Amino acid sequence: MQWAFFIDANLEPRTAEILREENYRAEYSDYVLHEDADDYNDILPYVQREELMIVTADIKNFAPLASSRHEGLLLLNNQRASAYAVANAILNIIDAYKSPSNMSGKVENLDPWIQE
């Protein structure tokens, strides 16, 4: 298993680009699904099938995922954070967790990891 991320449409696509520049799989919602993709009918089945961690600021819609099987859920409250800051926070989580299997089923708030 490798680190792989699904960046939700409520975040900047640049976040996915930065992660890809660091050699991680990172997909941006609007680029791999349609712009009006539904959280439950489109996004959740896709991320589970592709074994992607969700990175989102849509806390209310994805919080229920915490009780189901998932690769990991990274939530962002601070929507003013730059794409660079969000990507850097994700890289810090990668360093801290060491293996994506250690993140499996966990929910992590990105805000404490952001250093701007």
PDB file of N, CA and C in Angstrom:
ATOM      1  N   MET A   1       0.832  -1.175   0.000  1.00  0.00           N
ATOM      2  CA  MET A   1       0.000   0.000   0.000  1.00  0.00           C
ATOM      3  C   MET A   1       0.884   1.248   0.000  1.00  0.00           C
ATOM      4  N   GLN A   2       0.497   2.226  -0.801  1.00  0.00           N
ATOM      5  CA  GLN A   2       1.246   3.472  -0.893  1.00  0.00           C
ATOM      6  C   GLN A   2       0.360   4.644  -0.486  1.00  0.00           C
ATOM      7  N   TRP A   3       0.997   5.747  -0.131  1.00  0.00           N
ATOM      8  CA  TRP A   3       0.249   6.949   0.190  1.00  0.00           C
ATOM      9  C   TRP A   3      -0.454   7.438  -1.074  1.00  0.00           C
ATOM     10  N   ALA A   4      -1.766   7.671  -0.958  1.00  0.00           N
ATOM     11  CA  ALA A   4      -2.553   8.143  -2.100  1.00  0.00           C
ATOM     12  C   ALA A   4      -3.700   8.988  -1.563  1.00  0.00           C
ATOM     13  N   PHE A   5      -3.945  10.118  -2.208  1.00  0.00           N
ATOM     14  CA  PHE A   5      -4.875  11.101  -1.682  1.00  0.00           C
ATOM     15  C   PHE A   5      -5.919  11.533  -2.704  1.00  0.00           C
ATOM     16  N   PHE A   6      -7.100  11.800  -2.194  1.00  0.00           N
ATOM     17  CA  PHE A   6      -8.191  12.380  -2.975  1.00  0.00           C
ATOM     18  C   PHE A   6      -8.429  13.768  -2.403  1.00  0.00           C
ATOM     19  N   ILE A   7      -8.110  14.787  -3.174  1.00  0.00           N
ATOM     20  CA  ILE A   7      -8.277  16.169  -2.732  1.00  0.00           C
ATOM     21  C   ILE A   7      -9.669  16.630  -3.170  1.00  0.00           C
ATOM     22  N   ASP A   8     -10.502  16.945  -2.197  1.00  0.00           N
ATOM     23  CA  ASP A   8     -11.884  17.338  -2.465  1.00  0.00           C
ATOM     24  C   ASP A   8     -11.931  18.687  -3.185  1.00  0.00           C
ATOM     25  N   ALA A   9     -13.020  18.921  -3.891  1.00  0.00           N
ATOM     26  CA  ALA A   9     -13.188  20.124  -4.706  1.00  0.00           C
ATOM     27  C   ALA A   9     -13.238  21.402  -3.884  1.00  0.00           C
ATOM     28  N   ASN A  10     -13.440  21.302  -2.573  1.00  0.00           N
ATOM     29  CA  ASN A  10     -13.474  22.515  -1.766  1.00  0.00           C
ATOM     30  C   ASN A  10     -12.065  22.998  -1.386  1.00  0.00           C
ATOM     31  N   LEU A  11     -11.047  22.308  -1.860  1.00  0.00           N
ATOM     32  CA  LEU A  11      -9.653  22.715  -1.667  1.00  0.00           C
ATOM     33  C   LEU A  11      -9.056  23.064  -3.027  1.00  0.00           C
ATOM     34  N   GLU A  12      -7.916  23.701  -2.993  1.00  0.00           N
ATOM     35  CA  GLU A  12      -7.269  24.116  -4.238  1.00  0.00           C
ATOM     36  C   GLU A  12      -6.664  22.922  -4.980  1.00  0.00           C
ATOM     37  N   PRO A  13      -6.822  22.871  -6.309  1.00  0.00           N
ATOM     38  CA  PRO A  13      -6.204  21.782  -7.075  1.00  0.00           C
ATOM     39  C   PRO A  13      -4.681  21.790  -6.950  1.00  0.00           C
ATOM     40  N   ARG A  14      -4.118  22.932  -6.639  1.00  0.00           N
ATOM     41  CA  ARG A  14      -2.654  23.034  -6.476  1.00  0.00           C
ATOM     42  C   ARG A  14      -2.154  22.110  -5.374  1.00  0.00           C
ATOM     43  N   THR A  15      -2.997  21.816  -4.375  1.00  0.00           N
ATOM     44  CA  THR A  15      -2.611  20.894  -3.305  1.00  0.00           C
ATOM     45  C   THR A  15      -2.232  19.533  -3.894  1.00  0.00           C
ATOM     46  N   ALA A  16      -3.063  19.037  -4.807  1.00  0.00           N
ATOM     47  CA  ALA A  16      -2.771  17.749  -5.462  1.00  0.00           C
ATOM     48  C   ALA A  16      -1.503  17.846  -6.301  1.00  0.00           C
ATOM     49  N   GLU A  17      -1.316  18.956  -6.983  1.00  0.00           N
ATOM     50  CA  GLU A  17      -0.129  19.133  -7.817  1.00  0.00           C
ATOM     51  C   GLU A  17       1.143  19.076  -6.968  1.00  0.00           C
ATOM     52  N   ILE A  18       1.124  19.744  -5.819  1.00  0.00           N
ATOM     53  CA  ILE A  18       2.306  19.756  -4.945  1.00  0.00           C
ATOM     54  C   ILE A  18       2.621  18.343  -4.458  1.00  0.00           C
ATOM     55  N   LEU A  19       1.588  17.608  -4.066  1.00  0.00           N
ATOM     56  CA  LEU A  19       1.812  16.225  -3.607  1.00  0.00           C
ATOM     57  C   LEU A  19       2.362  15.351  -4.733  1.00  0.00           C
ATOM     58  N   ARG A  20       1.860  15.546  -5.956  1.00  0.00           N
ATOM     59  CA  ARG A  20       2.381  14.781  -7.093  1.00  0.00           C
ATOM     60  C   ARG A  20       3.838  15.145  -7.364  1.00  0.00           C
ATOM     61  N   GLU A  21       4.200  16.412  -7.189  1.00  0.00           N
ATOM     62  CA  GLU A  21       5.589  16.829  -7.359  1.00  0.00           C
ATOM     63  C   GLU A  21       6.507  16.135  -6.350  1.00  0.00           C
ATOM     64  N   GLU A  22       5.938  15.736  -5.225  1.00  0.00           N
ATOM     65  CA  GLU A  22       6.688  15.001  -4.195  1.00  0.00           C
ATOM     66  C   GLU A  22       6.573  13.482  -4.387  1.00  0.00           C
ATOM     67  N   ASN A  23       6.049  13.075  -5.543  1.00  0.00           N
ATOM     68  CA  ASN A  23       5.935  11.671  -5.944  1.00  0.00           C
ATOM     69  C   ASN A  23       4.892  10.870  -5.180  1.00  0.00           C
ATOM     70  N   TYR A  24       3.802  11.531  -4.782  1.00  0.00           N
ATOM     71  CA  TYR A  24       2.670  10.842  -4.178  1.00  0.00           C
ATOM     72  C   TYR A  24       1.505  10.870  -5.152  1.00  0.00           C
ATOM     73  N   ARG A  25       0.701   9.845  -5.093  1.00  0.00           N
ATOM     74  CA  ARG A  25      -0.517   9.835  -5.897  1.00  0.00           C
ATOM     75  C   ARG A  25      -1.493  10.803  -5.240  1.00  0.00           C
ATOM     76  N   ALA A  26      -1.964  11.777  -6.001  1.00  0.00           N
ATOM     77  CA  ALA A  26      -2.914  12.756  -5.487  1.00  0.00           C
ATOM     78  C   ALA A  26      -3.856  13.142  -6.618  1.00  0.00           C
ATOM     79  N   GLU A  27      -5.132  12.899  -6.402  1.00  0.00           N
ATOM     80  CA  GLU A  27      -6.132  13.184  -7.419  1.00  0.00           C
ATOM     81  C   GLU A  27      -7.044  14.301  -6.931  1.00  0.00           C
ATOM     82  N   TYR A  28      -7.382  15.190  -7.837  1.00  0.00           N
ATOM     83  CA  TYR A  28      -8.280  16.295  -7.506  1.00  0.00           C
ATOM     84  C   TYR A  28      -9.680  15.937  -7.981  1.00  0.00           C
ATOM     85  N   SER A  29     -10.631  16.082  -7.103  1.00  0.00           N
ATOM     86  CA  SER A  29     -12.008  15.651  -7.329  1.00  0.00           C
ATOM     87  C   SER A  29     -12.568  16.032  -8.702  1.00  0.00           C
ATOM     88  N   ASP A  30     -12.511  17.311  -9.037  1.00  0.00           N
ATOM     89  CA  ASP A  30     -13.121  17.767 -10.291  1.00  0.00           C
ATOM     90  C   ASP A  30     -12.410  17.233 -11.529  1.00  0.00           C
ATOM     91  N   TYR A  31     -11.178  16.767 -11.387  1.00  0.00           N
ATOM     92  CA  TYR A  31     -10.434  16.253 -12.527  1.00  0.00           C
ATOM     93  C   TYR A  31     -10.662  14.761 -12.763  1.00  0.00           C
ATOM     94  N   VAL A  32     -10.991  14.016 -11.712  1.00  0.00           N
ATOM     95  CA  VAL A  32     -11.202  12.580 -11.872  1.00  0.00           C
ATOM     96  C   VAL A  32     -12.683  12.205 -11.850  1.00  0.00           C
ATOM     97  N   LEU A  33     -13.505  13.065 -11.290  1.00  0.00           N
ATOM     98  CA  LEU A  33     -14.957  12.886 -11.291  1.00  0.00           C
ATOM     99  C   LEU A  33     -15.562  14.156 -11.888  1.00  0.00           C
ATOM    100  N   HIS A  34     -16.846  14.210 -12.033  1.00  0.00           N
ATOM    101  CA  HIS A  34     -17.459  15.420 -12.579  1.00  0.00           C
ATOM    102  C   HIS A  34     -17.617  16.478 -11.487  1.00  0.00           C
ATOM    103  N   GLU A  35     -17.790  17.737 -11.893  1.00  0.00           N
ATOM    104  CA  GLU A  35     -17.830  18.851 -10.938  1.00  0.00           C
ATOM    105  C   GLU A  35     -18.949  18.731  -9.910  1.00  0.00           C
ATOM    106  N   ASP A  36     -20.038  18.100 -10.275  1.00  0.00           N
ATOM    107  CA  ASP A  36     -21.181  17.960  -9.360  1.00  0.00           C
ATOM    108  C   ASP A  36     -21.214  16.594  -8.691  1.00  0.00           C
ATOM    109  N   ALA A  37     -20.068  15.970  -8.537  1.00  0.00           N
ATOM    110  CA  ALA A  37     -20.013  14.633  -7.935  1.00  0.00           C
ATOM    111  C   ALA A  37     -20.623  14.661  -6.537  1.00  0.00           C
ATOM    112  N   ASP A  38     -21.461  13.689  -6.271  1.00  0.00           N
ATOM    113  CA  ASP A  38     -22.122  13.567  -4.981  1.00  0.00           C
ATOM    114  C   ASP A  38     -21.194  12.846  -4.001  1.00  0.00           C
ATOM    115  N   ASP A  39     -21.158  13.348  -2.764  1.00  0.00           N
ATOM    116  CA  ASP A  39     -20.264  12.770  -1.757  1.00  0.00           C
ATOM    117  C   ASP A  39     -20.498  11.277  -1.551  1.00  0.00           C
ATOM    118  N   TYR A  40     -21.752  10.873  -1.431  1.00  0.00           N
ATOM    119  CA  TYR A  40     -22.070   9.483  -1.088  1.00  0.00           C
ATOM    120  C   TYR A  40     -22.165   8.568  -2.302  1.00  0.00           C
ATOM    121  N   ASN A  41     -22.724   9.064  -3.390  1.00  0.00           N
ATOM    122  CA  ASN A  41     -22.939   8.206  -4.557  1.00  0.00           C
ATOM    123  C   ASN A  41     -21.748   8.137  -5.503  1.00  0.00           C
ATOM    124  N   ASP A  42     -20.912   9.169  -5.501  1.00  0.00           N
ATOM    125  CA  ASP A  42     -19.782   9.215  -6.437  1.00  0.00           C
ATOM    126  C   ASP A  42     -18.428   9.153  -5.732  1.00  0.00           C
ATOM    127  N   ILE A  43     -18.217  10.059  -4.789  1.00  0.00           N
ATOM    128  CA  ILE A  43     -16.897  10.194  -4.176  1.00  0.00           C
ATOM    129  C   ILE A  43     -16.556   9.022  -3.270  1.00  0.00           C
ATOM    130  N   LEU A  44     -17.425   8.688  -2.333  1.00  0.00           N
ATOM    131  CA  LEU A  44     -17.102   7.601  -1.397  1.00  0.00           C
ATOM    132  C   LEU A  44     -16.831   6.274  -2.088  1.00  0.00           C
ATOM    133  N   PRO A  45     -17.668   5.845  -3.036  1.00  0.00           N
ATOM    134  CA  PRO A  45     -17.340   4.585  -3.725  1.00  0.00           C
ATOM    135  C   PRO A  45     -16.007   4.658  -4.482  1.00  0.00           C
ATOM    136  N   TYR A  46     -15.726   5.814  -5.076  1.00  0.00           N
ATOM    137  CA  TYR A  46     -14.483   5.978  -5.826  1.00  0.00           C
ATOM    138  C   TYR A  46     -13.264   5.877  -4.911  1.00  0.00           C
ATOM    139  N   VAL A  47     -13.268   6.616  -3.809  1.00  0.00           N
ATOM    140  CA  VAL A  47     -12.091   6.599  -2.933  1.00  0.00           C
ATOM    141  C   VAL A  47     -11.902   5.238  -2.271  1.00  0.00           C
ATOM    142  N   GLN A  48     -12.982   4.549  -1.979  1.00  0.00           N
ATOM    143  CA  GLN A  48     -12.844   3.213  -1.385  1.00  0.00           C
ATOM    144  C   GLN A  48     -12.305   2.219  -2.400  1.00  0.00           C
ATOM    145  N   ARG A  49     -12.795   2.294  -3.623  1.00  0.00           N
ATOM    146  CA  ARG A  49     -12.318   1.389  -4.678  1.00  0.00           C
ATOM    147  C   ARG A  49     -10.837   1.651  -4.994  1.00  0.00           C
ATOM    148  N   GLU A  50     -10.451   2.933  -5.035  1.00  0.00           N
ATOM    149  CA  GLU A  50      -9.085   3.310  -5.391  1.00  0.00           C
ATOM    150  C   GLU A  50      -8.140   3.366  -4.187  1.00  0.00           C
ATOM    151  N   GLU A  51      -8.668   3.135  -2.977  1.00  0.00           N
ATOM    152  CA  GLU A  51      -7.888   3.154  -1.735  1.00  0.00           C
ATOM    153  C   GLU A  51      -7.165   4.488  -1.536  1.00  0.00           C
ATOM    154  N   LEU A  52      -7.951   5.569  -1.607  1.00  0.00           N
ATOM    155  CA  LEU A  52      -7.429   6.921  -1.445  1.00  0.00           C
ATOM    156  C   LEU A  52      -7.846   7.505  -0.103  1.00  0.00           C
ATOM    157  N   MET A  53      -6.962   8.272   0.507  1.00  0.00           N
ATOM    158  CA  MET A  53      -7.313   9.034   1.704  1.00  0.00           C
ATOM    159  C   MET A  53      -8.017  10.309   1.246  1.00  0.00           C
ATOM    160  N   ILE A  54      -9.057  10.675   1.938  1.00  0.00           N
ATOM    161  CA  ILE A  54      -9.794  11.887   1.589  1.00  0.00           C
ATOM    162  C   ILE A  54      -9.197  13.077   2.334  1.00  0.00           C
ATOM    163  N   VAL A  55      -8.959  14.149   1.593  1.00  0.00           N
ATOM    164  CA  VAL A  55      -8.532  15.415   2.167  1.00  0.00           C
ATOM    165  C   VAL A  55      -9.642  16.406   1.839  1.00  0.00           C
ATOM    166  N   THR A  56     -10.292  16.956   2.868  1.00  0.00           N
ATOM    167  CA  THR A  56     -11.464  17.789   2.624  1.00  0.00           C
ATOM    168  C   THR A  56     -11.672  18.841   3.696  1.00  0.00           C
ATOM    169  N   ALA A  57     -12.374  19.896   3.315  1.00  0.00           N
ATOM    170  CA  ALA A  57     -12.848  20.893   4.273  1.00  0.00           C
ATOM    171  C   ALA A  57     -14.349  20.708   4.483  1.00  0.00           C
ATOM    172  N   ASP A  58     -14.905  19.691   3.860  1.00  0.00           N
ATOM    173  CA  ASP A  58     -16.336  19.387   3.958  1.00  0.00           C
ATOM    174  C   ASP A  58     -16.570  18.440   5.127  1.00  0.00           C
ATOM    175  N   ILE A  59     -16.355  18.949   6.312  1.00  0.00           N
ATOM    176  CA  ILE A  59     -16.364  18.120   7.511  1.00  0.00           C
ATOM    177  C   ILE A  59     -17.715  17.486   7.761  1.00  0.00           C
ATOM    178  N   LYS A  60     -18.789  18.230   7.602  1.00  0.00           N
ATOM    179  CA  LYS A  60     -20.107  17.687   7.947  1.00  0.00           C
ATOM    180  C   LYS A  60     -20.523  16.524   7.047  1.00  0.00           C
ATOM    181  N   ASN A  61     -20.100  16.532   5.793  1.00  0.00           N
ATOM    182  CA  ASN A  61     -20.485  15.445   4.892  1.00  0.00           C
ATOM    183  C   ASN A  61     -19.588  14.222   4.998  1.00  0.00           C
ATOM    184  N   PHE A  62     -18.339  14.419   5.401  1.00  0.00           N
ATOM    185  CA  PHE A  62     -17.426  13.290   5.452  1.00  0.00           C
ATOM    186  C   PHE A  62     -17.178  12.761   6.855  1.00  0.00           C
ATOM    187  N   ALA A  63     -17.588  13.484   7.875  1.00  0.00           N
ATOM    188  CA  ALA A  63     -17.404  13.009   9.247  1.00  0.00           C
ATOM    189  C   ALA A  63     -18.040  11.638   9.486  1.00  0.00           C
ATOM    190  N   PRO A  64     -19.222  11.329   8.891  1.00  0.00           N
ATOM    191  CA  PRO A  64     -19.785   9.987   9.093  1.00  0.00           C
ATOM    192  C   PRO A  64     -18.886   8.858   8.583  1.00  0.00           C
ATOM    193  N   LEU A  65     -17.973   9.174   7.686  1.00  0.00           N
ATOM    194  CA  LEU A  65     -17.051   8.169   7.170  1.00  0.00           C
ATOM    195  C   LEU A  65     -16.169   7.610   8.287  1.00  0.00           C
ATOM    196  N   ALA A  66     -16.009   8.391   9.336  1.00  0.00           N
ATOM    197  CA  ALA A  66     -15.139   7.983  10.443  1.00  0.00           C
ATOM    198  C   ALA A  66     -15.525   6.627  11.021  1.00  0.00           C
ATOM    199  N   SER A  67     -16.791   6.267  10.933  1.00  0.00           N
ATOM    200  CA  SER A  67     -17.223   4.995  11.514  1.00  0.00           C
ATOM    201  C   SER A  67     -17.211   3.835  10.518  1.00  0.00           C
ATOM    202  N   SER A  68     -16.791   4.076   9.278  1.00  0.00           N
ATOM    203  CA  SER A  68     -16.742   3.007   8.284  1.00  0.00           C
ATOM    204  C   SER A  68     -15.290   2.720   7.898  1.00  0.00           C
ATOM    205  N   ARG A  69     -15.096   1.700   7.074  1.00  0.00           N
ATOM    206  CA  ARG A  69     -13.749   1.357   6.613  1.00  0.00           C
ATOM    207  C   ARG A  69     -13.279   2.408   5.607  1.00  0.00           C
ATOM    208  N   HIS A  70     -12.111   2.952   5.851  1.00  0.00           N
ATOM    209  CA  HIS A  70     -11.545   3.914   4.917  1.00  0.00           C
ATOM    210  C   HIS A  70     -10.032   3.961   5.100  1.00  0.00           C
ATOM    211  N   GLU A  71      -9.368   4.541   4.130  1.00  0.00           N
ATOM    212  CA  GLU A  71      -7.904   4.599   4.134  1.00  0.00           C
ATOM    213  C   GLU A  71      -7.378   5.707   5.032  1.00  0.00           C
ATOM    214  N   GLY A  72      -8.230   6.635   5.393  1.00  0.00           N
ATOM    215  CA  GLY A  72      -7.852   7.769   6.224  1.00  0.00           C
ATOM    216  C   GLY A  72      -8.621   8.994   5.786  1.00  0.00           C
ATOM    217  N   LEU A  73      -8.864   9.859   6.725  1.00  0.00           N
ATOM    218  CA  LEU A  73      -9.634  11.064   6.470  1.00  0.00           C
ATOM    219  C   LEU A  73      -8.886  12.238   7.079  1.00  0.00           C
ATOM    220  N   LEU A  74      -8.520  13.197   6.234  1.00  0.00           N
ATOM    221  CA  LEU A  74      -7.814  14.390   6.680  1.00  0.00           C
ATOM    222  C   LEU A  74      -8.759  15.573   6.532  1.00  0.00           C
ATOM    223  N   LEU A  75      -9.124  16.170   7.663  1.00  0.00           N
ATOM    224  CA  LEU A  75     -10.106  17.254   7.682  1.00  0.00           C
ATOM    225  C   LEU A  75      -9.429  18.594   7.902  1.00  0.00           C
ATOM    226  N   LEU A  76      -9.919  19.610   7.206  1.00  0.00           N
ATOM    227  CA  LEU A  76      -9.367  20.952   7.319  1.00  0.00           C
ATOM    228  C   LEU A  76     -10.465  21.922   7.730  1.00  0.00           C
ATOM    229  N   ASN A  77     -10.253  22.619   8.832  1.00  0.00           N
ATOM    230  CA  ASN A  77     -11.187  23.664   9.248  1.00  0.00           C
ATOM    231  C   ASN A  77     -10.806  25.007   8.646  1.00  0.00           C
ATOM    232  N   ASN A  78      -9.515  25.284   8.563  1.00  0.00           N
ATOM    233  CA  ASN A  78      -9.001  26.575   8.110  1.00  0.00           C
ATOM    234  C   ASN A  78      -8.954  26.627   6.584  1.00  0.00           C
ATOM    235  N   GLN A  79     -10.045  27.079   5.976  1.00  0.00           N
ATOM    236  CA  GLN A  79     -10.090  27.116   4.515  1.00  0.00           C
ATOM    237  C   GLN A  79      -9.273  28.257   3.927  1.00  0.00           C
ATOM    238  N   ARG A  80      -8.696  29.082   4.768  1.00  0.00           N
ATOM    239  CA  ARG A  80      -7.830  30.156   4.280  1.00  0.00           C
ATOM    240  C   ARG A  80      -6.394  29.672   4.091  1.00  0.00           C
ATOM    241  N   ALA A  81      -6.110  28.480   4.549  1.00  0.00           N
ATOM    242  CA  ALA A  81      -4.752  27.942   4.414  1.00  0.00           C
ATOM    243  C   ALA A  81      -4.420  27.763   2.931  1.00  0.00           C
ATOM    244  N   SER A  82      -3.208  28.105   2.577  1.00  0.00           N
ATOM    245  CA  SER A  82      -2.781  27.988   1.182  1.00  0.00           C
ATOM    246  C   SER A  82      -2.615  26.523   0.784  1.00  0.00           C
ATOM    247  N   ALA A  83      -2.610  26.289  -0.496  1.00  0.00           N
ATOM    248  CA  ALA A  83      -2.395  24.933  -1.004  1.00  0.00           C
ATOM    249  C   ALA A  83      -1.040  24.408  -0.532  1.00  0.00           C
ATOM    250  N   TYR A  84      -0.049  25.275  -0.521  1.00  0.00           N
ATOM    251  CA  TYR A  84       1.279  24.879  -0.051  1.00  0.00           C
ATOM    252  C   TYR A  84       1.222  24.449   1.408  1.00  0.00           C
ATOM    253  N   ALA A  85       0.518  25.223   2.253  1.00  0.00           N
ATOM    254  CA  ALA A  85       0.430  24.902   3.681  1.00  0.00           C
ATOM    255  C   ALA A  85      -0.309  23.586   3.901  1.00  0.00           C
ATOM    256  N   VAL A  86      -1.372  23.354   3.147  1.00  0.00           N
ATOM    257  CA  VAL A  86      -2.139  22.112   3.277  1.00  0.00           C
ATOM    258  C   VAL A  86      -1.280  20.930   2.831  1.00  0.00           C
ATOM    259  N   ALA A  87      -0.618  21.066   1.682  1.00  0.00           N
ATOM    260  CA  ALA A  87       0.243  19.980   1.191  1.00  0.00           C
ATOM    261  C   ALA A  87       1.374  19.703   2.171  1.00  0.00           C
ATOM    262  N   ASN A  88       1.963  20.745   2.730  1.00  0.00           N
ATOM    263  CA  ASN A  88       3.037  20.574   3.689  1.00  0.00           C
ATOM    264  C   ASN A  88       2.542  19.868   4.953  1.00  0.00           C
ATOM    265  N   ALA A  89       1.336  20.193   5.392  1.00  0.00           N
ATOM    266  CA  ALA A  89       0.749  19.509   6.549  1.00  0.00           C
ATOM    267  C   ALA A  89       0.575  18.018   6.256  1.00  0.00           C
ATOM    268  N   ILE A  90       0.140  17.699   5.038  1.00  0.00           N
ATOM    269  CA  ILE A  90      -0.016  16.292   4.644  1.00  0.00           C
ATOM    270  C   ILE A  90       1.340  15.600   4.637  1.00  0.00           C
ATOM    271  N   LEU A  91       2.365  16.278   4.138  1.00  0.00           N
ATOM    272  CA  LEU A  91       3.709  15.701   4.143  1.00  0.00           C
ATOM    273  C   LEU A  91       4.200  15.467   5.568  1.00  0.00           C
ATOM    274  N   ASN A  92       3.851  16.356   6.492  1.00  0.00           N
ATOM    275  CA  ASN A  92       4.211  16.165   7.895  1.00  0.00           C
ATOM    276  C   ASN A  92       3.497  14.944   8.482  1.00  0.00           C
ATOM    277  N   ILE A  93       2.261  14.737   8.096  1.00  0.00           N
ATOM    278  CA  ILE A  93       1.509  13.563   8.554  1.00  0.00           C
ATOM    279  C   ILE A  93       2.150  12.288   8.004  1.00  0.00           C
ATOM    280  N   ILE A  94       2.558  12.331   6.745  1.00  0.00           N
ATOM    281  CA  ILE A  94       3.245  11.181   6.146  1.00  0.00           C
ATOM    282  C   ILE A  94       4.496  10.842   6.964  1.00  0.00           C
ATOM    283  N   ASP A  95       5.263  11.855   7.318  1.00  0.00           N
ATOM    284  CA  ASP A  95       6.475  11.637   8.121  1.00  0.00           C
ATOM    285  C   ASP A  95       6.139  11.063   9.494  1.00  0.00           C
ATOM    286  N   ALA A  96       5.074  11.566  10.101  1.00  0.00           N
ATOM    287  CA  ALA A  96       4.714  11.133  11.454  1.00  0.00           C
ATOM    288  C   ALA A  96       4.141   9.720  11.484  1.00  0.00           C
ATOM    289  N   TYR A  97       3.314   9.381  10.507  1.00  0.00           N
ATOM    290  CA  TYR A  97       2.648   8.072  10.494  1.00  0.00           C
ATOM    291  C   TYR A  97       3.505   6.978   9.855  1.00  0.00           C
ATOM    292  N   LYS A  98       4.520   7.367   9.093  1.00  0.00           N
ATOM    293  CA  LYS A  98       5.477   6.448   8.459  1.00  0.00           C
ATOM    294  C   LYS A  98       4.890   5.566   7.362  1.00  0.00           C
ATOM    295  N   SER A  99       3.770   4.919   7.622  1.00  0.00           N
ATOM    296  CA  SER A  99       3.158   4.002   6.651  1.00  0.00           C
ATOM    297  C   SER A  99       1.685   4.349   6.500  1.00  0.00           C
ATOM    298  N   PRO A 100       1.159   4.262   5.280  1.00  0.00           N
ATOM    299  CA  PRO A 100      -0.265   4.543   5.101  1.00  0.00           C
ATOM    300  C   PRO A 100      -1.155   3.579   5.886  1.00  0.00           C
ATOM    301  N   SER A 101      -0.662   2.392   6.156  1.00  0.00           N
ATOM    302  CA  SER A 101      -1.460   1.442   6.941  1.00  0.00           C
ATOM    303  C   SER A 101      -1.682   1.955   8.362  1.00  0.00           C
ATOM    304  N   ASN A 102      -0.777   2.784   8.861  1.00  0.00           N
ATOM    305  CA  ASN A 102      -0.945   3.372  10.193  1.00  0.00           C
ATOM    306  C   ASN A 102      -2.017   4.452  10.212  1.00  0.00           C
ATOM    307  N   MET A 103      -2.397   4.952   9.047  1.00  0.00           N
ATOM    308  CA  MET A 103      -3.424   5.986   8.934  1.00  0.00           C
ATOM    309  C   MET A 103      -4.789   5.366   8.630  1.00  0.00           C
ATOM    310  N   SER A 104      -4.804   4.110   8.246  1.00  0.00           N
ATOM    311  CA  SER A 104      -6.039   3.439   7.857  1.00  0.00           C
ATOM    312  C   SER A 104      -7.089   3.513   8.967  1.00  0.00           C
ATOM    313  N   GLY A 105      -8.277   3.996   8.604  1.00  0.00           N
ATOM    314  CA  GLY A 105      -9.386   4.096   9.543  1.00  0.00           C
ATOM    315  C   GLY A 105      -9.311   5.272  10.494  1.00  0.00           C
ATOM    316  N   LYS A 106      -8.273   6.085  10.384  1.00  0.00           N
ATOM    317  CA  LYS A 106      -8.101   7.211  11.306  1.00  0.00           C
ATOM    318  C   LYS A 106      -8.602   8.516  10.686  1.00  0.00           C
ATOM    319  N   VAL A 107      -8.951   9.437  11.565  1.00  0.00           N
ATOM    320  CA  VAL A 107      -9.342  10.780  11.165  1.00  0.00           C
ATOM    321  C   VAL A 107      -8.333  11.732  11.795  1.00  0.00           C
ATOM    322  N   GLU A 108      -7.773  12.599  10.981  1.00  0.00           N
ATOM    323  CA  GLU A 108      -6.775  13.547  11.465  1.00  0.00           C
ATOM    324  C   GLU A 108      -7.203  14.959  11.055  1.00  0.00           C
ATOM    325  N   ASN A 109      -7.120  15.884  11.997  1.00  0.00           N
ATOM    326  CA  ASN A 109      -7.394  17.287  11.707  1.00  0.00           C
ATOM    327  C   ASN A 109      -6.095  17.909  11.200  1.00  0.00           C
ATOM    328  N   LEU A 110      -6.142  18.496  10.022  1.00  0.00           N
ATOM    329  CA  LEU A 110      -4.944  19.084   9.423  1.00  0.00           C
ATOM    330  C   LEU A 110      -4.499  20.384  10.088  1.00  0.00           C
ATOM    331  N   ASP A 111      -5.433  21.097  10.694  1.00  0.00           N
ATOM    332  CA  ASP A 111      -5.115  22.438  11.203  1.00  0.00           C
ATOM    333  C   ASP A 111      -3.894  22.484  12.136  1.00  0.00           C
ATOM    334  N   PRO A 112      -3.765  21.577  13.114  1.00  0.00           N
ATOM    335  CA  PRO A 112      -2.583  21.634  13.977  1.00  0.00           C
ATOM    336  C   PRO A 112      -1.274  21.339  13.238  1.00  0.00           C
ATOM    337  N   TRP A 113      -1.363  20.727  12.070  1.00  0.00           N
ATOM    338  CA  TRP A 113      -0.168  20.373  11.290  1.00  0.00           C
ATOM    339  C   TRP A 113       0.269  21.518  10.362  1.00  0.00           C
ATOM    340  N   ILE A 114      -0.579  22.529  10.220  1.00  0.00           N
ATOM    341  CA  ILE A 114      -0.284  23.639   9.291  1.00  0.00           C
ATOM    342  C   ILE A 114       0.651  24.632   9.951  1.00  0.00           C
ATOM    343  N   GLN A 115       1.697  24.966   9.196  1.00  0.00           N
ATOM    344  CA  GLN A 115       2.681  25.956   9.650  1.00  0.00           C
ATOM    345  C   GLN A 115       2.840  26.989   8.553  1.00  0.00           C
ATOM    346  N   GLU A 116       2.192  28.139   8.723  1.00  0.00           N
ATOM    347  CA  GLU A 116       2.324  29.190   7.706  1.00  0.00           C
ATOM    348  C   GLU A 116       3.129  30.332   8.230  1.00  0.00           C
TER     349      GLU A 116
END
